[in-house]
Amino acid sequence: MGYQITATERADGTIAPEKLAAIVRDIETIGFAVVEDIVSVESCDMLMDSVLEDVEKVRALGKPTRHEENTGPGHLQLGLRRYAPYVRPDLVANPLIECVVEGVLGDGAWLGFYNGNVNCVDSGYQPLHFDRPYSWKSPEDAARDGQSWPPPMTTLSCSIAFDEITIANGATEIYPRSQFETEVVTWATTRIKDRPDLLEKWGPPSRMTIPARSVCFRDPRMWHRGVPNTGIRARAMIAATYHAGKCKNWRGRYIQDLDPALSARLDADPTLRVMDDGQLGDGRMVFQSDVREVFDAPSLHGVNRNVRFVEDPERVNHFLDSHQLGGARIVRGAISPVDA
């Protein structure tokens, strides 16, 4: 059973304090919470139609995507269109979503990932995994920052359902509370394999069912996997991830011993993030400039939408590099999935 939004909360763009506290508590303890009916029918219908069209384009290539090859057949990380009219305020600048983000991550949280997650009909199983690494690797590291152990999350995933997500159409398999398993903190992989003892410890698994137009807020460290879609059409949702303001790595990882010179540069320029090689670079998501007005609306909850805009003749190709810095590839000419 998910949390319901009242008419007053919807009008104010803010969830009542006691309800917000309960939502945050569920995310921090169980690993997820569902807040119902906070995205419009119009936005969901438009995005669903666009995703189904793009799935057909990808499937017309006649080969599995790189993501499928790395995870499982029929599971697509399919970039969402980053131009008007497909970038909608209730999807990327929704005050109710941002209210929960602030409640979990605090002021100054920022959008670091915006993508489509598609489970095609007759898909297979993904490996069991978690999405994000732990920012603190030991009780001593956590204690130095005044953090508890097991360590708290520094990123928050938001799964926005266009249609109802059910067991039949491939609702994600999840292991509630598995984010508290500290044995995985220092693993070089995010996959849980060959460990029946851990599966027994945190099982049995559940399923992440989500009503249409609703959002499942999830600790991305909770174990999960895609499972077969036995329905009649692709199951699609938005996968958006926010990072805590103190996390300066572009993937949302907190860096405990950041070089003072780099720290000063980060403080002076909020567009910068620490890259995988330790250098600084522009860490913003890329969108076409015709959606600037959508992002420029003030955030009631101090969330940084972390976007830069691309002007014609350059185009944002949402099919390519959806897992990379910026979340899409900047091109000149036609937008196509040829390298997906």
Protein backbone atom coordinates (compact mmCIF):
# COMPACT_ATOMS: atom_id res chain seq x y z
CA MET A 1 0.00 0.00 0.00
CA GLY A 2 1.48 3.32 -1.05
CA TYR A 3 1.23 6.78 0.45
CA GLN A 4 -1.61 9.00 -0.78
CA ILE A 5 -1.25 12.70 -1.59
CA THR A 6 -3.97 15.08 -0.43
CA ALA A 7 -5.36 17.96 -2.48
CA THR A 8 -3.67 20.44 -0.14
CA GLU A 9 -0.30 18.74 -0.50
CA ARG A 10 -0.68 18.70 -4.26
CA ALA A 11 -1.55 22.40 -4.36
CA ASP A 12 1.28 23.36 -1.98
CA GLY A 13 3.89 21.08 -3.55
CA THR A 14 4.85 19.88 -0.08
CA ILE A 15 4.05 16.67 1.78
CA ALA A 16 2.79 17.02 5.36
CA PRO A 17 5.67 16.64 7.86
CA GLU A 18 4.36 13.51 9.61
CA LYS A 19 3.68 11.76 6.29
CA LEU A 20 7.05 12.79 4.88
CA ALA A 21 8.75 11.46 8.01
CA ALA A 22 7.03 8.10 7.52
CA ILE A 23 8.05 7.95 3.84
CA VAL A 24 11.66 8.76 4.71
CA ARG A 25 11.65 6.19 7.51
CA ASP A 26 10.45 3.46 5.12
CA ILE A 27 13.14 4.33 2.57
CA GLU A 28 15.85 4.36 5.23
CA THR A 29 14.77 1.11 6.90
CA ILE A 30 12.92 -1.10 4.41
CA GLY A 31 14.70 0.35 1.39
CA PHE A 32 11.78 1.80 -0.56
CA ALA A 33 8.44 3.62 -0.39
CA VAL A 34 5.74 4.22 -3.00
CA VAL A 35 3.95 7.58 -3.27
CA GLU A 36 0.89 7.30 -5.48
CA ASP A 37 -0.58 9.42 -8.27
CA ILE A 38 1.86 12.32 -8.38
CA VAL A 39 2.45 12.43 -12.15
CA SER A 40 -0.16 13.47 -14.69
CA VAL A 41 -1.98 11.15 -17.08
CA GLU A 42 -0.91 13.38 -19.99
CA SER A 43 2.79 13.12 -19.16
CA CYS A 44 2.64 9.37 -18.66
CA ASP A 45 0.74 8.77 -21.89
CA MET A 46 3.11 10.97 -23.91
CA LEU A 47 6.25 9.39 -22.48
CA MET A 48 4.88 5.87 -22.80
CA ASP A 49 4.07 6.39 -26.47
CA SER A 50 7.54 7.85 -27.11
CA VAL A 51 9.29 4.97 -25.32
CA LEU A 52 7.34 2.34 -27.27
CA GLU A 53 8.27 4.11 -30.53
CA ASP A 54 11.93 4.17 -29.49
CA VAL A 55 11.87 0.51 -28.48
CA GLU A 56 10.76 -0.32 -32.03
CA LYS A 57 13.68 1.69 -33.43
CA VAL A 58 16.16 -0.10 -31.19
CA ARG A 59 14.69 -3.51 -31.96
CA ALA A 60 14.89 -2.76 -35.71
CA LEU A 61 18.69 -2.86 -35.37
CA GLY A 62 18.35 -6.63 -35.07
CA LYS A 63 20.88 -7.07 -32.27
CA PRO A 64 20.92 -6.87 -28.47
CA THR A 65 21.97 -3.59 -26.91
CA ARG A 66 25.19 -3.39 -24.92
CA HIS A 67 23.13 -3.17 -21.76
CA GLU A 68 21.33 -6.39 -22.61
CA GLU A 69 24.65 -8.11 -23.26
CA ASN A 70 25.89 -7.03 -19.83
CA THR A 71 22.71 -7.79 -17.88
CA GLY A 72 19.91 -9.79 -19.49
CA PRO A 73 17.86 -10.09 -22.70
CA GLY A 74 14.93 -7.73 -23.05
CA HIS A 75 16.08 -5.26 -20.36
CA LEU A 76 16.82 -1.87 -21.91
CA GLN A 77 18.35 1.22 -20.41
CA LEU A 78 16.70 3.41 -23.02
CA GLY A 79 17.46 7.10 -22.93
CA LEU A 80 14.42 9.39 -22.75
CA ARG A 81 13.84 12.15 -25.28
CA ARG A 82 15.53 15.32 -24.06
CA TYR A 83 13.65 17.90 -26.09
CA ALA A 84 10.16 19.46 -26.14
CA PRO A 85 7.45 18.39 -25.61
CA TYR A 86 8.74 15.23 -23.91
CA VAL A 87 10.53 16.88 -20.97
CA ARG A 88 7.67 17.59 -18.58
CA PRO A 89 7.64 19.65 -15.36
CA ASP A 90 5.90 16.93 -13.35
CA LEU A 91 8.68 14.51 -14.31
CA VAL A 92 11.87 16.57 -13.91
CA ALA A 93 10.75 19.43 -11.64
CA ASN A 94 7.94 17.87 -9.59
CA PRO A 95 7.81 19.54 -6.16
CA LEU A 96 6.37 16.41 -4.50
CA ILE A 97 9.22 14.27 -5.82
CA GLU A 98 11.72 16.92 -4.79
CA CYS A 99 10.10 17.11 -1.34
CA VAL A 100 10.93 13.44 -0.75
CA VAL A 101 14.42 13.92 -2.23
CA GLU A 102 15.13 16.73 0.23
CA GLY A 103 13.67 14.67 3.08
CA VAL A 104 16.08 11.82 2.39
CA LEU A 105 19.20 13.59 1.11
CA GLY A 106 18.91 17.09 2.61
CA ASP A 107 19.17 20.52 1.06
CA GLY A 108 21.22 20.92 -2.10
CA ALA A 109 20.54 17.45 -3.54
CA TRP A 110 21.10 17.28 -7.29
CA LEU A 111 19.82 15.31 -10.25
CA GLY A 112 22.54 13.00 -11.54
CA PHE A 113 20.74 10.45 -13.72
CA TYR A 114 17.61 10.55 -15.90
CA ASN A 115 16.88 7.55 -18.05
CA GLY A 116 14.28 5.08 -19.27
CA ASN A 117 14.06 1.58 -17.83
CA VAL A 118 12.24 -0.82 -20.16
CA ASN A 119 11.37 -4.48 -19.62
CA CYS A 120 10.37 -5.96 -22.97
CA VAL A 121 7.91 -8.81 -23.48
CA ASP A 122 9.55 -12.25 -23.14
CA SER A 123 12.60 -10.82 -21.39
CA GLY A 124 14.93 -12.90 -19.23
CA TYR A 125 16.48 -12.54 -15.79
CA GLN A 126 19.14 -10.03 -14.83
CA PRO A 127 21.86 -10.89 -12.32
CA LEU A 128 20.99 -9.85 -8.77
CA HIS A 129 22.82 -6.60 -8.06
CA PHE A 130 22.83 -3.20 -6.40
CA ASP A 131 23.20 0.06 -8.33
CA ARG A 132 25.39 2.38 -6.31
CA PRO A 133 28.54 1.89 -4.23
CA TYR A 134 28.74 2.69 -0.54
CA SER A 135 30.34 6.04 0.23
CA TRP A 136 31.95 4.78 3.44
CA LYS A 137 33.89 1.52 3.36
CA SER A 138 34.43 0.79 7.06
CA PRO A 139 33.06 1.69 10.51
CA GLU A 140 36.18 3.80 11.03
CA ASP A 141 35.60 5.80 7.82
CA ALA A 142 31.98 6.40 8.80
CA ALA A 143 32.90 7.42 12.35
CA ARG A 144 35.35 10.03 11.05
CA ASP A 145 32.41 11.78 9.39
CA GLY A 146 30.02 11.26 12.28
CA GLN A 147 28.04 8.67 10.31
CA SER A 148 26.37 5.52 11.57
CA TRP A 149 27.29 1.98 10.54
CA PRO A 150 25.94 0.46 8.34
CA PRO A 151 26.42 3.69 6.40
CA PRO A 152 23.54 5.85 5.20
CA MET A 153 22.61 6.32 1.55
CA THR A 154 24.00 9.26 -0.40
CA THR A 155 21.88 8.65 -3.51
CA LEU A 156 18.15 8.10 -4.04
CA SER A 157 16.51 6.35 -7.00
CA CYS A 158 13.07 7.38 -8.23
CA SER A 159 11.18 4.93 -10.44
CA ILE A 160 8.27 6.72 -12.13
CA ALA A 161 5.65 4.33 -13.55
CA PHE A 162 3.82 5.29 -16.75
CA ASP A 163 1.45 2.30 -16.56
CA GLU A 164 0.74 0.04 -13.63
CA ILE A 165 3.77 -2.14 -12.93
CA THR A 166 2.69 -5.61 -11.86
CA ILE A 167 4.16 -9.05 -11.32
CA ALA A 168 2.79 -10.07 -14.73
CA ASN A 169 4.60 -7.33 -16.65
CA GLY A 170 7.89 -7.75 -14.84
CA ALA A 171 7.90 -5.77 -11.60
CA THR A 172 11.48 -5.69 -10.33
CA GLU A 173 12.50 -8.35 -7.81
CA ILE A 174 13.84 -6.73 -4.62
CA TYR A 175 15.41 -7.79 -1.32
CA PRO A 176 14.13 -5.31 1.28
CA ARG A 177 16.68 -4.24 3.92
CA SER A 178 19.58 -5.83 2.01
CA GLN A 179 21.20 -2.37 1.85
CA PHE A 180 22.34 -3.05 5.42
CA GLU A 181 24.58 -5.96 4.37
CA THR A 182 28.06 -4.61 5.08
CA GLU A 183 29.95 -7.56 3.58
CA VAL A 184 29.36 -6.13 0.10
CA VAL A 185 30.69 -2.66 0.95
CA THR A 186 34.22 -3.33 -0.26
CA TRP A 187 33.38 -5.70 -3.12
CA ALA A 188 34.82 -4.83 -6.53
CA THR A 189 31.50 -5.85 -8.10
CA THR A 190 27.91 -4.82 -7.45
CA ARG A 191 26.60 -8.27 -8.36
CA ILE A 192 25.44 -10.74 -5.71
CA LYS A 193 26.45 -14.16 -7.01
CA ASP A 194 27.40 -17.54 -5.60
CA ARG A 195 26.31 -16.50 -2.11
CA PRO A 196 23.29 -18.57 -1.08
CA ASP A 197 24.03 -17.67 2.55
CA LEU A 198 23.40 -13.98 1.86
CA LEU A 199 20.28 -14.71 -0.16
CA GLU A 200 18.90 -16.75 2.72
CA LYS A 201 19.84 -14.01 5.19
CA TRP A 202 17.95 -11.26 3.37
CA GLY A 203 15.28 -13.26 1.54
CA PRO A 204 12.76 -14.18 0.51
CA PRO A 205 12.57 -11.50 -2.18
CA SER A 206 9.58 -9.31 -2.88
CA ARG A 207 8.43 -7.46 -6.00
CA MET A 208 8.43 -3.70 -6.68
CA THR A 209 4.87 -3.19 -7.91
CA ILE A 210 3.94 0.44 -8.62
CA PRO A 211 0.54 1.92 -9.53
CA ALA A 212 0.35 4.00 -12.70
CA ARG A 213 1.48 7.63 -12.34
CA SER A 214 3.21 6.82 -9.05
CA VAL A 215 6.80 6.90 -7.85
CA CYS A 216 8.82 4.27 -6.00
CA PHE A 217 11.61 5.94 -4.04
CA ARG A 218 14.39 3.40 -3.50
CA ASP A 219 17.75 3.10 -1.81
CA PRO A 220 19.79 2.07 -4.87
CA ARG A 221 22.00 -0.14 -2.70
CA MET A 222 19.06 -2.49 -2.05
CA TRP A 223 19.55 -5.71 -4.02
CA HIS A 224 17.28 -6.17 -7.02
CA ARG A 225 17.06 -7.63 -10.51
CA GLY A 226 14.93 -7.46 -13.62
CA VAL A 227 12.73 -10.50 -14.22
CA PRO A 228 10.71 -11.79 -17.20
CA ASN A 229 7.85 -9.70 -18.53
CA THR A 230 5.02 -12.12 -19.30
CA GLY A 231 2.58 -9.34 -20.22
CA ILE A 232 1.46 -8.16 -23.64
CA ARG A 233 3.58 -5.02 -24.06
CA ALA A 234 6.80 -3.47 -22.78
CA ARG A 235 6.86 -2.22 -19.22
CA ALA A 236 8.43 1.23 -19.08
CA MET A 237 9.34 3.65 -16.32
CA ILE A 238 11.66 6.58 -15.69
CA ALA A 239 14.76 5.91 -13.65
CA ALA A 240 15.92 9.17 -12.06
CA THR A 241 18.66 9.31 -9.42
CA TYR A 242 19.46 12.19 -7.08
CA HIS A 243 22.66 12.69 -5.10
CA ALA A 244 23.27 14.40 -1.76
CA GLY A 245 24.70 17.91 -1.94
CA LYS A 246 27.93 16.90 -0.19
CA CYS A 247 28.62 14.24 -2.83
CA LYS A 248 30.97 15.77 -5.39
CA ASN A 249 31.65 12.69 -7.51
CA TRP A 250 29.53 12.68 -10.69
CA ARG A 251 28.13 9.25 -9.77
CA GLY A 252 27.00 10.49 -6.35
CA ARG A 253 29.79 9.06 -4.22
CA TYR A 254 30.97 11.00 -1.19
CA ILE A 255 34.73 11.66 -1.22
CA GLN A 256 36.07 11.72 2.31
CA ASP A 257 39.61 13.04 1.75
CA LEU A 258 39.10 15.47 -1.09
CA ASP A 259 42.15 17.51 -2.04
CA PRO A 260 41.72 21.07 -0.62
CA ALA A 261 42.55 22.69 -3.97
CA LEU A 262 39.92 20.61 -5.74
CA SER A 263 37.44 21.29 -2.96
CA ALA A 264 37.93 25.05 -3.36
CA ARG A 265 37.31 24.81 -7.11
CA LEU A 266 34.16 22.75 -6.53
CA ASP A 267 32.85 25.31 -4.05
CA ALA A 268 33.52 28.14 -6.52
CA ASP A 269 31.85 26.43 -9.49
CA PRO A 270 28.76 24.27 -8.76
CA THR A 271 28.76 22.87 -12.31
CA LEU A 272 31.93 20.88 -11.59
CA ARG A 273 32.08 17.29 -10.33
CA VAL A 274 34.91 14.86 -9.65
CA MET A 275 35.30 12.48 -12.59
CA ASP A 276 36.33 8.81 -12.44
CA ASP A 277 39.98 9.74 -13.06
CA GLY A 278 40.01 12.16 -10.13
CA GLN A 279 39.98 15.28 -12.30
CA LEU A 280 37.22 17.89 -12.38
CA GLY A 281 34.75 18.26 -15.22
CA ASP A 282 31.30 19.57 -16.06
CA GLY A 283 28.95 17.17 -14.28
CA ARG A 284 25.62 18.43 -15.60
CA MET A 285 22.99 16.50 -17.53
CA VAL A 286 22.47 17.62 -21.15
CA PHE A 287 19.10 18.64 -22.60
CA GLN A 288 17.98 20.57 -25.67
CA SER A 289 17.62 24.29 -25.07
CA ASP A 290 13.90 24.28 -25.95
CA VAL A 291 13.15 22.81 -22.49
CA ARG A 292 15.06 25.45 -20.52
CA GLU A 293 11.85 26.91 -19.08
CA VAL A 294 10.90 23.54 -17.56
CA PHE A 295 14.08 23.41 -15.50
CA ASP A 296 14.29 27.11 -14.65
CA ALA A 297 11.21 27.03 -12.39
CA PRO A 298 12.44 27.52 -8.79
CA SER A 299 12.68 24.40 -6.64
CA LEU A 300 10.60 24.65 -3.47
CA HIS A 301 12.91 22.14 -1.81
CA GLY A 302 16.39 23.31 -2.73
CA VAL A 303 17.04 20.65 -5.38
CA ASN A 304 19.65 21.41 -8.03
CA ARG A 305 18.38 20.07 -11.37
CA ASN A 306 21.96 20.09 -12.65
CA VAL A 307 21.33 20.71 -16.34
CA ARG A 308 23.13 22.39 -19.23
CA PHE A 309 21.45 23.14 -22.52
CA VAL A 310 22.47 22.37 -26.08
CA GLU A 311 21.70 24.82 -28.87
CA ASP A 312 20.96 24.06 -32.54
CA PRO A 313 22.58 22.90 -34.77
CA GLU A 314 23.83 20.52 -32.08
CA ARG A 315 21.33 17.90 -30.94
CA VAL A 316 21.03 15.68 -27.90
CA ASN A 317 20.89 12.05 -29.04
CA HIS A 318 19.09 10.32 -26.18
CA PHE A 319 19.72 6.85 -27.62
CA LEU A 320 23.48 7.02 -27.06
CA ASP A 321 25.62 7.17 -23.90
CA SER A 322 22.64 7.15 -21.56
CA HIS A 323 24.84 5.71 -18.79
CA GLN A 324 27.67 8.15 -19.32
CA LEU A 325 28.41 11.63 -18.05
CA GLY A 326 25.58 13.92 -19.18
CA GLY A 327 23.31 10.98 -19.92
CA ALA A 328 23.23 11.40 -23.71
CA ARG A 329 25.48 12.17 -26.68
CA ILE A 330 25.69 15.57 -28.36
CA VAL A 331 25.63 15.20 -32.15
CA ARG A 332 25.03 17.15 -35.34
CA GLY A 333 22.39 15.77 -37.66
CA ALA A 334 19.80 13.06 -37.21
CA ILE A 335 19.01 11.42 -33.88
CA SER A 336 19.25 7.66 -34.24
CA PRO A 337 20.01 4.51 -32.20
CA VAL A 338 22.65 3.20 -34.61
CA ASP A 339 25.31 2.69 -31.90
CA ALA A 340 22.94 1.75 -29.06
